[in-house]
Amino acid sequence: ANADSKPENLNQFATLGSYYAQFVRGIQKPR
């Protein structure tokens, strides 16, 4: 979606991805 990213973008991606892994895929404390 973004060819160029800033550090804060990657930090937000981490939170978004962690929520997805936990609540959609059912992984507790995703790494």
PDB file of all heavy atoms in Angstrom:
ATOM      1  N   ALA A   1       0.827  -1.214   0.000  1.00  0.00           N
ATOM      2  CA  ALA A   1       0.000   0.000   0.000  1.00  0.00           C
ATOM      3  C   ALA A   1       0.858   1.260   0.000  1.00  0.00           C
ATOM      4  O   ALA A   1       0.468   2.289  -0.558  1.00  0.00           O
ATOM      5  CB  ALA A   1      -0.938   0.005   1.210  1.00  0.00           C
ATOM      6  N   ASN A   2       2.041   1.188   0.624  1.00  0.00           N
ATOM      7  CA  ASN A   2       2.923   2.353   0.724  1.00  0.00           C
ATOM      8  C   ASN A   2       4.345   1.958   0.343  1.00  0.00           C
ATOM      9  O   ASN A   2       4.977   1.189   1.064  1.00  0.00           O
ATOM     10  CB  ASN A   2       2.943   2.886   2.164  1.00  0.00           C
ATOM     11  CG  ASN A   2       1.546   3.113   2.730  1.00  0.00           C
ATOM     12  OD1 ASN A   2       0.920   4.122   2.462  1.00  0.00           O
ATOM     13  ND2 ASN A   2       1.053   2.151   3.507  1.00  0.00           N
ATOM     14  N   ALA A   3       4.831   2.494  -0.758  1.00  0.00           N
ATOM     15  CA  ALA A   3       6.202   2.174  -1.161  1.00  0.00           C
ATOM     16  C   ALA A   3       7.204   2.760  -0.173  1.00  0.00           C
ATOM     17  O   ALA A   3       8.247   2.165   0.104  1.00  0.00           O
ATOM     18  CB  ALA A   3       6.471   2.711  -2.562  1.00  0.00           C
ATOM     19  N   ASP A   4       6.887   3.925   0.367  1.00  0.00           N
ATOM     20  CA  ASP A   4       7.737   4.570   1.368  1.00  0.00           C
ATOM     21  C   ASP A   4       6.959   4.682   2.670  1.00  0.00           C
ATOM     22  O   ASP A   4       5.783   5.030   2.671  1.00  0.00           O
ATOM     23  CB  ASP A   4       8.159   5.968   0.903  1.00  0.00           C
ATOM     24  CG  ASP A   4       9.013   5.915  -0.353  1.00  0.00           C
ATOM     25  OD1 ASP A   4      10.058   5.253  -0.325  1.00  0.00           O
ATOM     26  OD2 ASP A   4       8.620   6.540  -1.352  1.00  0.00           O
ATOM     27  N   SER A   5       7.629   4.393   3.772  1.00  0.00           N
ATOM     28  CA  SER A   5       6.974   4.463   5.081  1.00  0.00           C
ATOM     29  C   SER A   5       7.864   5.185   6.071  1.00  0.00           C
ATOM     30  O   SER A   5       9.083   5.269   5.907  1.00  0.00           O
ATOM     31  CB  SER A   5       6.677   3.053   5.609  1.00  0.00           C
ATOM     32  OG  SER A   5       5.771   2.376   4.774  1.00  0.00           O
ATOM     33  N   LYS A   6       7.228   5.708   7.127  1.00  0.00           N
ATOM     34  CA  LYS A   6       7.938   6.342   8.226  1.00  0.00           C
ATOM     35  C   LYS A   6       7.935   5.386   9.426  1.00  0.00           C
ATOM     36  O   LYS A   6       7.108   4.477   9.490  1.00  0.00           O
ATOM     37  CB  LYS A   6       7.261   7.656   8.600  1.00  0.00           C
ATOM     38  CG  LYS A   6       7.269   8.693   7.476  1.00  0.00           C
ATOM     39  CD  LYS A   6       6.521   9.955   7.890  1.00  0.00           C
ATOM     40  CE  LYS A   6       6.525  10.971   6.759  1.00  0.00           C
ATOM     41  NZ  LYS A   6       5.773  12.213   7.123  1.00  0.00           N
ATOM     42  N   PRO A   7       8.827   5.598  10.372  1.00  0.00           N
ATOM     43  CA  PRO A   7       8.863   4.716  11.544  1.00  0.00           C
ATOM     44  C   PRO A   7       7.513   4.607  12.253  1.00  0.00           C
ATOM     45  O   PRO A   7       7.118   3.514  12.678  1.00  0.00           O
ATOM     46  CB  PRO A   7       9.909   5.379  12.444  1.00  0.00           C
ATOM     47  CG  PRO A   7      10.810   6.088  11.493  1.00  0.00           C
ATOM     48  CD  PRO A   7       9.933   6.580  10.380  1.00  0.00           C
ATOM     49  N   GLU A   8       6.788   5.721  12.381  1.00  0.00           N
ATOM     50  CA  GLU A   8       5.496   5.696  13.049  1.00  0.00           C
ATOM     51  C   GLU A   8       4.490   4.830  12.292  1.00  0.00           C
ATOM     52  O   GLU A   8       3.628   4.191  12.902  1.00  0.00           O
ATOM     53  CB  GLU A   8       4.948   7.119  13.192  1.00  0.00           C
ATOM     54  CG  GLU A   8       3.604   7.204  13.904  1.00  0.00           C
ATOM     55  CD  GLU A   8       3.609   6.589  15.304  1.00  0.00           C
ATOM     56  OE1 GLU A   8       4.650   6.668  16.004  1.00  0.00           O
ATOM     57  OE2 GLU A   8       2.584   6.009  15.688  1.00  0.00           O
ATOM     58  N   ASN A   9       4.603   4.798  10.951  1.00  0.00           N
ATOM     59  CA  ASN A   9       3.724   3.936  10.157  1.00  0.00           C
ATOM     60  C   ASN A   9       3.942   2.478  10.527  1.00  0.00           C
ATOM     61  O   ASN A   9       2.986   1.722  10.738  1.00  0.00           O
ATOM     62  CB  ASN A   9       3.980   4.113   8.654  1.00  0.00           C
ATOM     63  CG  ASN A   9       3.767   5.528   8.159  1.00  0.00           C
ATOM     64  OD1 ASN A   9       4.497   6.011   7.316  1.00  0.00           O
ATOM     65  ND2 ASN A   9       2.755   6.200   8.698  1.00  0.00           N
ATOM     66  N   LEU A  10       5.202   2.064  10.623  1.00  0.00           N
ATOM     67  CA  LEU A  10       5.506   0.672  10.972  1.00  0.00           C
ATOM     68  C   LEU A  10       5.027   0.343  12.378  1.00  0.00           C
ATOM     69  O   LEU A  10       4.560  -0.773  12.645  1.00  0.00           O
ATOM     70  CB  LEU A  10       7.008   0.409  10.844  1.00  0.00           C
ATOM     71  CG  LEU A  10       7.495  -0.097   9.479  1.00  0.00           C
ATOM     72  CD1 LEU A  10       7.183   0.886   8.371  1.00  0.00           C
ATOM     73  CD2 LEU A  10       8.993  -0.403   9.504  1.00  0.00           C
ATOM     74  N   ASN A  11       5.107   1.309  13.277  1.00  0.00           N
ATOM     75  CA  ASN A  11       4.617   1.107  14.636  1.00  0.00           C
ATOM     76  C   ASN A  11       3.104   0.901  14.635  1.00  0.00           C
ATOM     77  O   ASN A  11       2.579   0.038  15.347  1.00  0.00           O
ATOM     78  CB  ASN A  11       4.993   2.315  15.501  1.00  0.00           C
ATOM     79  CG  ASN A  11       4.770   2.062  16.973  1.00  0.00           C
ATOM     80  OD1 ASN A  11       4.937   0.947  17.469  1.00  0.00           O
ATOM     81  ND2 ASN A  11       4.379   3.103  17.702  1.00  0.00           N
ATOM     82  N   GLN A  12       2.390   1.686  13.824  1.00  0.00           N
ATOM     83  CA  GLN A  12       0.943   1.514  13.702  1.00  0.00           C
ATOM     84  C   GLN A  12       0.605   0.180  13.039  1.00  0.00           C
ATOM     85  O   GLN A  12      -0.353  -0.500  13.447  1.00  0.00           O
ATOM     86  CB  GLN A  12       0.341   2.680  12.919  1.00  0.00           C
ATOM     87  CG  GLN A  12       0.382   3.995  13.662  1.00  0.00           C
ATOM     88  CD  GLN A  12      -0.149   5.158  12.844  1.00  0.00           C
ATOM     89  OE1 GLN A  12      -0.446   5.024  11.649  1.00  0.00           O
ATOM     90  NE2 GLN A  12      -0.265   6.315  13.475  1.00  0.00           N
ATOM     91  N   PHE A  13       1.381  -0.220  12.027  1.00  0.00           N
ATOM     92  CA  PHE A  13       1.161  -1.516  11.379  1.00  0.00           C
ATOM     93  C   PHE A  13       1.274  -2.651  12.400  1.00  0.00           C
ATOM     94  O   PHE A  13       0.528  -3.629  12.347  1.00  0.00           O
ATOM     95  CB  PHE A  13       2.188  -1.754  10.267  1.00  0.00           C
ATOM     96  CG  PHE A  13       2.102  -0.809   9.107  1.00  0.00           C
ATOM     97  CD1 PHE A  13       3.172  -0.661   8.231  1.00  0.00           C
ATOM     98  CD2 PHE A  13       0.960  -0.057   8.862  1.00  0.00           C
ATOM     99  CE1 PHE A  13       3.107   0.198   7.156  1.00  0.00           C
ATOM    100  CE2 PHE A  13       0.886   0.816   7.782  1.00  0.00           C
ATOM    101  CZ  PHE A  13       1.967   0.949   6.930  1.00  0.00           C
ATOM    102  N   ALA A  14       2.222  -2.506  13.326  1.00  0.00           N
ATOM    103  CA  ALA A  14       2.429  -3.543  14.335  1.00  0.00           C
ATOM    104  C   ALA A  14       1.201  -3.692  15.232  1.00  0.00           C
ATOM    105  O   ALA A  14       0.776  -4.813  15.540  1.00  0.00           O
ATOM    106  CB  ALA A  14       3.661  -3.206  15.179  1.00  0.00           C
ATOM    107  N   THR A  15       0.620  -2.565  15.630  1.00  0.00           N
ATOM    108  CA  THR A  15      -0.575  -2.621  16.472  1.00  0.00           C
ATOM    109  C   THR A  15      -1.751  -3.197  15.702  1.00  0.00           C
ATOM    110  O   THR A  15      -2.483  -4.059  16.207  1.00  0.00           O
ATOM    111  CB  THR A  15      -0.938  -1.215  16.992  1.00  0.00           C
ATOM    112  OG1 THR A  15       0.176  -0.685  17.733  1.00  0.00           O
ATOM    113  CG2 THR A  15      -2.161  -1.265  17.892  1.00  0.00           C
ATOM    114  N   LEU A  16      -1.929  -2.748  14.469  1.00  0.00           N
ATOM    115  CA  LEU A  16      -3.020  -3.259  13.629  1.00  0.00           C
ATOM    116  C   LEU A  16      -2.865  -4.762  13.404  1.00  0.00           C
ATOM    117  O   LEU A  16      -3.817  -5.532  13.567  1.00  0.00           O
ATOM    118  CB  LEU A  16      -3.033  -2.524  12.289  1.00  0.00           C
ATOM    119  CG  LEU A  16      -3.442  -1.051  12.309  1.00  0.00           C
ATOM    120  CD1 LEU A  16      -3.095  -0.384  10.974  1.00  0.00           C
ATOM    121  CD2 LEU A  16      -4.930  -0.897  12.585  1.00  0.00           C
ATOM    122  N   GLY A  17      -1.677  -5.178  13.006  1.00  0.00           N
ATOM    123  CA  GLY A  17      -1.428  -6.592  12.738  1.00  0.00           C
ATOM    124  C   GLY A  17      -1.594  -7.460  13.965  1.00  0.00           C
ATOM    125  O   GLY A  17      -2.096  -8.587  13.892  1.00  0.00           O
ATOM    126  N   SER A  18      -1.180  -6.936  15.127  1.00  0.00           N
ATOM    127  CA  SER A  18      -1.307  -7.683  16.372  1.00  0.00           C
ATOM    128  C   SER A  18      -2.778  -7.887  16.740  1.00  0.00           C
ATOM    129  O   SER A  18      -3.179  -8.974  17.164  1.00  0.00           O
ATOM    130  CB  SER A  18      -0.581  -6.944  17.499  1.00  0.00           C
ATOM    131  OG  SER A  18      -0.549  -7.722  18.669  1.00  0.00           O
ATOM    132  N   TYR A  19      -3.582  -6.839  16.563  1.00  0.00           N
ATOM    133  CA  TYR A  19      -5.018  -6.962  16.810  1.00  0.00           C
ATOM    134  C   TYR A  19      -5.636  -8.007  15.888  1.00  0.00           C
ATOM    135  O   TYR A  19      -6.463  -8.816  16.312  1.00  0.00           O
ATOM    136  CB  TYR A  19      -5.711  -5.609  16.597  1.00  0.00           C
ATOM    137  CG  TYR A  19      -5.904  -4.799  17.851  1.00  0.00           C
ATOM    138  CD1 TYR A  19      -4.820  -4.167  18.462  1.00  0.00           C
ATOM    139  CD2 TYR A  19      -7.151  -4.656  18.438  1.00  0.00           C
ATOM    140  CE1 TYR A  19      -4.977  -3.410  19.615  1.00  0.00           C
ATOM    141  CE2 TYR A  19      -7.326  -3.902  19.590  1.00  0.00           C
ATOM    142  CZ  TYR A  19      -6.238  -3.283  20.177  1.00  0.00           C
ATOM    143  OH  TYR A  19      -6.410  -2.553  21.322  1.00  0.00           O
ATOM    144  N   TYR A  20      -5.247  -7.995  14.618  1.00  0.00           N
ATOM    145  CA  TYR A  20      -5.786  -8.954  13.651  1.00  0.00           C
ATOM    146  C   TYR A  20      -5.424 -10.381  14.056  1.00  0.00           C
ATOM    147  O   TYR A  20      -6.277 -11.272  14.081  1.00  0.00           O
ATOM    148  CB  TYR A  20      -5.249  -8.657  12.249  1.00  0.00           C
ATOM    149  CG  TYR A  20      -5.838  -9.543  11.179  1.00  0.00           C
ATOM    150  CD1 TYR A  20      -6.956  -9.139  10.459  1.00  0.00           C
ATOM    151  CD2 TYR A  20      -5.285 -10.790  10.882  1.00  0.00           C
ATOM    152  CE1 TYR A  20      -7.513  -9.955   9.479  1.00  0.00           C
ATOM    153  CE2 TYR A  20      -5.835 -11.607   9.921  1.00  0.00           C
ATOM    154  CZ  TYR A  20      -6.946 -11.177   9.219  1.00  0.00           C
ATOM    155  OH  TYR A  20      -7.492 -11.999   8.259  1.00  0.00           O
ATOM    156  N   ALA A  21      -4.152 -10.598  14.376  1.00  0.00           N
ATOM    157  CA  ALA A  21      -3.711 -11.943  14.748  1.00  0.00           C
ATOM    158  C   ALA A  21      -4.418 -12.432  16.010  1.00  0.00           C
ATOM    159  O   ALA A  21      -4.763 -13.616  16.120  1.00  0.00           O
ATOM    160  CB  ALA A  21      -2.194 -11.955  14.956  1.00  0.00           C
ATOM    161  N   GLN A  22      -4.664 -11.533  16.933  1.00  0.00           N
ATOM    162  CA  GLN A  22      -5.284 -11.929  18.197  1.00  0.00           C
ATOM    163  C   GLN A  22      -6.775 -12.188  18.052  1.00  0.00           C
ATOM    164  O   GLN A  22      -7.284 -13.227  18.481  1.00  0.00           O
ATOM    165  CB  GLN A  22      -5.045 -10.852  19.257  1.00  0.00           C
ATOM    166  CG  GLN A  22      -5.595 -11.230  20.626  1.00  0.00           C
ATOM    167  CD  GLN A  22      -5.253 -10.212  21.702  1.00  0.00           C
ATOM    168  OE1 GLN A  22      -4.493  -9.275  21.464  1.00  0.00           O
ATOM    169  NE2 GLN A  22      -5.809 -10.390  22.880  1.00  0.00           N
ATOM    170  N   PHE A  23      -7.485 -11.253  17.421  1.00  0.00           N
ATOM    171  CA  PHE A  23      -8.939 -11.335  17.435  1.00  0.00           C
ATOM    172  C   PHE A  23      -9.551 -12.034  16.218  1.00  0.00           C
ATOM    173  O   PHE A  23     -10.679 -12.512  16.282  1.00  0.00           O
ATOM    174  CB  PHE A  23      -9.536  -9.932  17.586  1.00  0.00           C
ATOM    175  CG  PHE A  23      -9.209  -9.297  18.907  1.00  0.00           C
ATOM    176  CD1 PHE A  23      -8.283  -8.268  18.981  1.00  0.00           C
ATOM    177  CD2 PHE A  23      -9.783  -9.760  20.075  1.00  0.00           C
ATOM    178  CE1 PHE A  23      -7.959  -7.691  20.199  1.00  0.00           C
ATOM    179  CE2 PHE A  23      -9.464  -9.201  21.305  1.00  0.00           C
ATOM    180  CZ  PHE A  23      -8.551  -8.157  21.367  1.00  0.00           C
ATOM    181  N   VAL A  24      -8.843 -12.095  15.117  1.00  0.00           N
ATOM    182  CA  VAL A  24      -9.352 -12.801  13.937  1.00  0.00           C
ATOM    183  C   VAL A  24      -8.781 -14.210  13.869  1.00  0.00           C
ATOM    184  O   VAL A  24      -9.516 -15.173  13.621  1.00  0.00           O
ATOM    185  CB  VAL A  24      -9.034 -12.028  12.636  1.00  0.00           C
ATOM    186  CG1 VAL A  24      -9.547 -12.800  11.416  1.00  0.00           C
ATOM    187  CG2 VAL A  24      -9.664 -10.641  12.671  1.00  0.00           C
ATOM    188  N   ARG A  25      -7.479 -14.355  14.138  1.00  0.00           N
ATOM    189  CA  ARG A  25      -6.848 -15.672  14.059  1.00  0.00           C
ATOM    190  C   ARG A  25      -6.782 -16.384  15.402  1.00  0.00           C
ATOM    191  O   ARG A  25      -6.417 -17.556  15.464  1.00  0.00           O
ATOM    192  CB  ARG A  25      -5.440 -15.531  13.464  1.00  0.00           C
ATOM    193  CG  ARG A  25      -5.450 -15.045  12.002  1.00  0.00           C
ATOM    194  CD  ARG A  25      -4.059 -14.894  11.432  1.00  0.00           C
ATOM    195  NE  ARG A  25      -3.279 -16.097  11.623  1.00  0.00           N
ATOM    196  CZ  ARG A  25      -1.990 -16.104  11.976  1.00  0.00           C
ATOM    197  NH1 ARG A  25      -1.349 -14.963  12.185  1.00  0.00           N
ATOM    198  NH2 ARG A  25      -1.347 -17.230  12.128  1.00  0.00           N
ATOM    199  N   GLY A  26      -7.124 -15.689  16.472  1.00  0.00           N
ATOM    200  CA  GLY A  26      -7.215 -16.332  17.777  1.00  0.00           C
ATOM    201  C   GLY A  26      -5.892 -16.639  18.452  1.00  0.00           C
ATOM    202  O   GLY A  26      -5.786 -17.584  19.230  1.00  0.00           O
ATOM    203  N   ILE A  27      -4.855 -15.843  18.183  1.00  0.00           N
ATOM    204  CA  ILE A  27      -3.534 -16.050  18.785  1.00  0.00           C
ATOM    205  C   ILE A  27      -3.377 -15.139  20.003  1.00  0.00           C
ATOM    206  O   ILE A  27      -3.448 -13.916  19.883  1.00  0.00           O
ATOM    207  CB  ILE A  27      -2.406 -15.761  17.771  1.00  0.00           C
ATOM    208  CG1 ILE A  27      -2.548 -16.668  16.547  1.00  0.00           C
ATOM    209  CG2 ILE A  27      -1.040 -15.939  18.422  1.00  0.00           C
ATOM    210  CD1 ILE A  27      -1.583 -16.332  15.440  1.00  0.00           C
ATOM    211  N   GLN A  28      -3.161 -15.730  21.157  1.00  0.00           N
ATOM    212  CA  GLN A  28      -2.934 -14.940  22.361  1.00  0.00           C
ATOM    213  C   GLN A  28      -1.499 -14.400  22.374  1.00  0.00           C
ATOM    214  O   GLN A  28      -0.558 -15.130  22.124  1.00  0.00           O
ATOM    215  CB  GLN A  28      -3.181 -15.802  23.609  1.00  0.00           C
ATOM    216  CG  GLN A  28      -4.612 -16.271  23.754  1.00  0.00           C
ATOM    217  CD  GLN A  28      -5.596 -15.114  23.832  1.00  0.00           C
ATOM    218  OE1 GLN A  28      -5.363 -14.135  24.544  1.00  0.00           O
ATOM    219  NE2 GLN A  28      -6.696 -15.223  23.103  1.00  0.00           N
ATOM    220  N   LYS A  29      -1.353 -13.126  22.634  1.00  0.00           N
ATOM    221  CA  LYS A  29      -0.046 -12.459  22.666  1.00  0.00           C
ATOM    222  C   LYS A  29       0.777 -12.772  21.408  1.00  0.00           C
ATOM    223  O   LYS A  29       1.868 -13.375  21.488  1.00  0.00           O
ATOM    224  CB  LYS A  29       0.738 -12.863  23.914  1.00  0.00           C
ATOM    225  CG  LYS A  29       0.184 -12.296  25.210  1.00  0.00           C
ATOM    226  CD  LYS A  29       1.172 -12.453  26.348  1.00  0.00           C
ATOM    227  CE  LYS A  29       2.374 -11.570  26.170  1.00  0.00           C
ATOM    228  NZ  LYS A  29       3.324 -11.628  27.325  1.00  0.00           N
ATOM    229  N   PRO A  30       0.277 -12.424  20.234  1.00  0.00           N
ATOM    230  CA  PRO A  30       1.026 -12.699  19.001  1.00  0.00           C
ATOM    231  C   PRO A  30       2.406 -12.053  19.015  1.00  0.00           C
ATOM    232  O   PRO A  30       2.566 -10.912  19.459  1.00  0.00           O
ATOM    233  CB  PRO A  30       0.130 -12.100  17.906  1.00  0.00           C
ATOM    234  CG  PRO A  30      -0.786 -11.151  18.606  1.00  0.00           C
ATOM    235  CD  PRO A  30      -0.976 -11.697  19.966  1.00  0.00           C
ATOM    236  N   ARG A  31       3.381 -12.803  18.543  1.00  0.00           N
ATOM    237  CA  ARG A  31       4.764 -12.307  18.487  1.00  0.00           C
ATOM    238  C   ARG A  31       4.922 -11.384  17.283  1.00  0.00           C
ATOM    239  O   ARG A  31       4.648 -11.787  16.147  1.00  0.00           O
ATOM    240  CB  ARG A  31       5.731 -13.485  18.361  1.00  0.00           C
ATOM    241  CG  ARG A  31       5.670 -14.483  19.521  1.00  0.00           C
ATOM    242  CD  ARG A  31       6.300 -15.806  19.112  1.00  0.00           C
ATOM    243  NE  ARG A  31       5.587 -16.393  17.990  1.00  0.00           N
ATOM    244  CZ  ARG A  31       6.123 -17.249  17.115  1.00  0.00           C
ATOM    245  NH1 ARG A  31       7.393 -17.597  17.226  1.00  0.00           N
ATOM    246  NH2 ARG A  31       5.406 -17.746  16.141  1.00  0.00           N
TER     247      ARG A  31
END
